[in-house]
């Protein structure tokens, strides 16, 4: 059975370190894609208790022009698997999704812009 397991490590990376790591992957890995993502995280402002007590992340995002509704279920950062539901929408409908969420009562969120370069190295995907 082939499982899709994600391990995410985040932390500060200086411009010099970023450049060095990117050059390493360009030389030794395979470029997969550039992800240009804009997302609205509705959970940050709408759930109390902070991230450590949150059991649901509710987001709208658009990645490379494709909008999605994302719901992540489970404890954040607790070392256990979280279930992620992704419902893709038609290109050009992100504004409609935002309006629909507002009508459902989700009117506050945190806007994030995340652009990344994805490489494959030794059968492992790395995103910078």
C-alpha atoms as a PDB file:
ATOM      1  CA  UNK A   1       0.000   0.000   0.000  1.00  0.00           C
ATOM      2  CA  UNK A   2       1.347   3.412  -0.998  1.00  0.00           C
ATOM      3  CA  UNK A   3       0.623   6.064   1.657  1.00  0.00           C
ATOM      4  CA  UNK A   4       0.821   9.800   1.213  1.00  0.00           C
ATOM      5  CA  UNK A   5       2.574  10.978   4.372  1.00  0.00           C
ATOM      6  CA  UNK A   6       3.436  14.625   4.902  1.00  0.00           C
ATOM      7  CA  UNK A   7       6.022  15.880   7.327  1.00  0.00           C
ATOM      8  CA  UNK A   8       6.160  19.628   7.613  1.00  0.00           C
ATOM      9  CA  UNK A   9       8.993  21.550   9.195  1.00  0.00           C
ATOM     10  CA  UNK A  10       8.840  25.308   9.406  1.00  0.00           C
ATOM     11  CA  UNK A  11      11.331  27.811  10.616  1.00  0.00           C
ATOM     12  CA  UNK A  12      13.326  30.871   9.688  1.00  0.00           C
ATOM     13  CA  UNK A  13      15.573  30.614   6.655  1.00  0.00           C
ATOM     14  CA  UNK A  14      17.852  33.490   5.698  1.00  0.00           C
ATOM     15  CA  UNK A  15      18.045  34.614   2.078  1.00  0.00           C
ATOM     16  CA  UNK A  16      21.557  33.157   1.862  1.00  0.00           C
ATOM     17  CA  UNK A  17      20.427  29.777   3.222  1.00  0.00           C
ATOM     18  CA  UNK A  18      17.360  29.777   0.975  1.00  0.00           C
ATOM     19  CA  UNK A  19      19.512  30.456  -2.075  1.00  0.00           C
ATOM     20  CA  UNK A  20      21.970  27.725  -1.095  1.00  0.00           C
ATOM     21  CA  UNK A  21      19.203  25.136  -0.572  1.00  0.00           C
ATOM     22  CA  UNK A  22      17.475  26.096  -3.818  1.00  0.00           C
ATOM     23  CA  UNK A  23      20.747  25.740  -5.773  1.00  0.00           C
ATOM     24  CA  UNK A  24      21.255  22.309  -4.190  1.00  0.00           C
ATOM     25  CA  UNK A  25      17.817  21.126  -5.325  1.00  0.00           C
ATOM     26  CA  UNK A  26      18.263  22.632  -8.799  1.00  0.00           C
ATOM     27  CA  UNK A  27      21.510  20.677  -9.178  1.00  0.00           C
ATOM     28  CA  UNK A  28      20.619  17.405  -7.420  1.00  0.00           C
ATOM     29  CA  UNK A  29      16.841  17.192  -7.587  1.00  0.00           C
ATOM     30  CA  UNK A  30      14.053  17.543 -10.103  1.00  0.00           C
ATOM     31  CA  UNK A  31      11.942  20.694 -10.350  1.00  0.00           C
ATOM     32  CA  UNK A  32       8.254  19.764 -10.030  1.00  0.00           C
ATOM     33  CA  UNK A  33       6.316  23.038 -10.050  1.00  0.00           C
ATOM     34  CA  UNK A  34       5.950  26.555  -8.758  1.00  0.00           C
ATOM     35  CA  UNK A  35       2.913  27.013  -6.512  1.00  0.00           C
ATOM     36  CA  UNK A  36       1.400  30.471  -6.372  1.00  0.00           C
ATOM     37  CA  UNK A  37      -1.141  30.363  -3.573  1.00  0.00           C
ATOM     38  CA  UNK A  38      -3.475  32.860  -1.937  1.00  0.00           C
ATOM     39  CA  UNK A  39      -5.571  31.641   0.964  1.00  0.00           C
ATOM     40  CA  UNK A  40      -7.988  32.880   3.558  1.00  0.00           C
ATOM     41  CA  UNK A  41      -7.718  31.100   6.917  1.00  0.00           C
ATOM     42  CA  UNK A  42     -11.069  31.506   8.658  1.00  0.00           C
ATOM     43  CA  UNK A  43     -10.156  29.499  11.771  1.00  0.00           C
ATOM     44  CA  UNK A  44      -7.518  31.861  13.172  1.00  0.00           C
ATOM     45  CA  UNK A  45     -10.012  34.653  13.908  1.00  0.00           C
ATOM     46  CA  UNK A  46     -13.138  32.588  14.475  1.00  0.00           C
ATOM     47  CA  UNK A  47     -12.104  29.882  16.948  1.00  0.00           C
ATOM     48  CA  UNK A  48     -11.047  30.571  20.521  1.00  0.00           C
ATOM     49  CA  UNK A  49      -8.215  28.927  22.376  1.00  0.00           C
ATOM     50  CA  UNK A  50      -5.418  29.473  19.875  1.00  0.00           C
ATOM     51  CA  UNK A  51      -3.837  27.013  17.477  1.00  0.00           C
ATOM     52  CA  UNK A  52      -2.988  24.416  20.105  1.00  0.00           C
ATOM     53  CA  UNK A  53      -6.676  23.929  21.000  1.00  0.00           C
ATOM     54  CA  UNK A  54      -8.026  24.110  17.469  1.00  0.00           C
ATOM     55  CA  UNK A  55      -9.398  20.905  15.968  1.00  0.00           C
ATOM     56  CA  UNK A  56     -10.550  22.349  12.633  1.00  0.00           C
ATOM     57  CA  UNK A  57      -8.893  24.574  10.054  1.00  0.00           C
ATOM     58  CA  UNK A  58     -11.287  26.083   7.545  1.00  0.00           C
ATOM     59  CA  UNK A  59      -9.766  27.750   4.503  1.00  0.00           C
ATOM     60  CA  UNK A  60     -10.424  28.927   1.011  1.00  0.00           C
ATOM     61  CA  UNK A  61      -7.434  28.942  -1.271  1.00  0.00           C
ATOM     62  CA  UNK A  62      -6.495  29.330  -4.883  1.00  0.00           C
ATOM     63  CA  UNK A  63      -3.338  27.597  -6.116  1.00  0.00           C
ATOM     64  CA  UNK A  64      -2.119  28.289  -9.642  1.00  0.00           C
ATOM     65  CA  UNK A  65      -5.603  29.511 -10.546  1.00  0.00           C
ATOM     66  CA  UNK A  66      -7.533  26.555  -9.086  1.00  0.00           C
ATOM     67  CA  UNK A  67      -9.804  27.437  -6.114  1.00  0.00           C
ATOM     68  CA  UNK A  68     -10.421  24.966  -3.285  1.00  0.00           C
ATOM     69  CA  UNK A  69     -12.284  24.632  -0.035  1.00  0.00           C
ATOM     70  CA  UNK A  70      -9.946  23.082   2.556  1.00  0.00           C
ATOM     71  CA  UNK A  71     -10.999  21.631   5.886  1.00  0.00           C
ATOM     72  CA  UNK A  72      -8.362  20.080   8.134  1.00  0.00           C
ATOM     73  CA  UNK A  73      -9.705  18.009  11.018  1.00  0.00           C
ATOM     74  CA  UNK A  74      -7.698  16.978  14.085  1.00  0.00           C
ATOM     75  CA  UNK A  75      -5.349  18.519  16.606  1.00  0.00           C
ATOM     76  CA  UNK A  76      -2.763  20.877  15.159  1.00  0.00           C
ATOM     77  CA  UNK A  77       0.821  19.934  15.948  1.00  0.00           C
ATOM     78  CA  UNK A  78      -0.135  17.085  18.271  1.00  0.00           C
ATOM     79  CA  UNK A  79       1.907  14.493  16.412  1.00  0.00           C
ATOM     80  CA  UNK A  80      -1.161  12.702  15.146  1.00  0.00           C
ATOM     81  CA  UNK A  81      -2.544  12.499  11.648  1.00  0.00           C
ATOM     82  CA  UNK A  82      -5.072  15.109  10.630  1.00  0.00           C
ATOM     83  CA  UNK A  83      -7.644  14.441   7.974  1.00  0.00           C
ATOM     84  CA  UNK A  84      -7.652  16.942   5.122  1.00  0.00           C
ATOM     85  CA  UNK A  85     -10.695  17.439   2.929  1.00  0.00           C
ATOM     86  CA  UNK A  86     -10.156  19.278  -0.340  1.00  0.00           C
ATOM     87  CA  UNK A  87     -12.982  20.292  -2.637  1.00  0.00           C
ATOM     88  CA  UNK A  88     -11.742  21.817  -5.874  1.00  0.00           C
ATOM     89  CA  UNK A  89     -13.830  24.426  -7.675  1.00  0.00           C
ATOM     90  CA  UNK A  90     -13.874  25.805 -11.191  1.00  0.00           C
ATOM     91  CA  UNK A  91     -11.198  28.298 -12.166  1.00  0.00           C
ATOM     92  CA  UNK A  92     -12.433  31.863 -11.724  1.00  0.00           C
ATOM     93  CA  UNK A  93     -14.870  31.086  -8.883  1.00  0.00           C
ATOM     94  CA  UNK A  94     -12.745  32.054  -5.862  1.00  0.00           C
ATOM     95  CA  UNK A  95     -14.701  35.294  -5.314  1.00  0.00           C
ATOM     96  CA  UNK A  96     -17.949  33.282  -5.400  1.00  0.00           C
ATOM     97  CA  UNK A  97     -16.577  30.955  -2.700  1.00  0.00           C
ATOM     98  CA  UNK A  98     -15.634  33.936  -0.519  1.00  0.00           C
ATOM     99  CA  UNK A  99     -19.136  35.368  -0.941  1.00  0.00           C
ATOM    100  CA  UNK A 100     -20.744  31.986  -0.164  1.00  0.00           C
ATOM    101  CA  UNK A 101     -18.657  31.660   3.014  1.00  0.00           C
ATOM    102  CA  UNK A 102     -19.733  35.179   4.068  1.00  0.00           C
ATOM    103  CA  UNK A 103     -23.394  34.181   3.662  1.00  0.00           C
ATOM    104  CA  UNK A 104     -22.682  31.140   5.865  1.00  0.00           C
ATOM    105  CA  UNK A 105     -21.343  33.469   8.580  1.00  0.00           C
ATOM    106  CA  UNK A 106     -17.593  33.176   7.866  1.00  0.00           C
ATOM    107  CA  UNK A 107     -16.829  36.872   7.443  1.00  0.00           C
ATOM    108  CA  UNK A 108     -13.417  37.193   9.134  1.00  0.00           C
ATOM    109  CA  UNK A 109     -10.192  35.556   8.071  1.00  0.00           C
ATOM    110  CA  UNK A 110      -6.465  35.954   7.704  1.00  0.00           C
ATOM    111  CA  UNK A 111      -5.247  36.514   4.152  1.00  0.00           C
ATOM    112  CA  UNK A 112      -2.007  34.703   3.309  1.00  0.00           C
ATOM    113  CA  UNK A 113       0.156  34.681   0.189  1.00  0.00           C
ATOM    114  CA  UNK A 114       2.446  31.668  -0.141  1.00  0.00           C
ATOM    115  CA  UNK A 115       4.561  31.089  -3.175  1.00  0.00           C
ATOM    116  CA  UNK A 116       6.768  28.014  -3.249  1.00  0.00           C
ATOM    117  CA  UNK A 117       9.048  26.040  -5.513  1.00  0.00           C
ATOM    118  CA  UNK A 118       8.602  22.271  -5.328  1.00  0.00           C
ATOM    119  CA  UNK A 119      11.463  19.845  -5.966  1.00  0.00           C
ATOM    120  CA  UNK A 120      11.786  16.073  -5.792  1.00  0.00           C
ATOM    121  CA  UNK A 121      14.982  14.729  -4.223  1.00  0.00           C
ATOM    122  CA  UNK A 122      15.488  11.004  -3.500  1.00  0.00           C
ATOM    123  CA  UNK A 123      11.744  10.393  -3.996  1.00  0.00           C
ATOM    124  CA  UNK A 124      10.862  13.011  -1.380  1.00  0.00           C
ATOM    125  CA  UNK A 125       9.030  16.236  -2.202  1.00  0.00           C
ATOM    126  CA  UNK A 126      10.517  19.441  -0.822  1.00  0.00           C
ATOM    127  CA  UNK A 127       8.818  22.831  -1.055  1.00  0.00           C
ATOM    128  CA  UNK A 128      10.748  26.053  -0.529  1.00  0.00           C
END
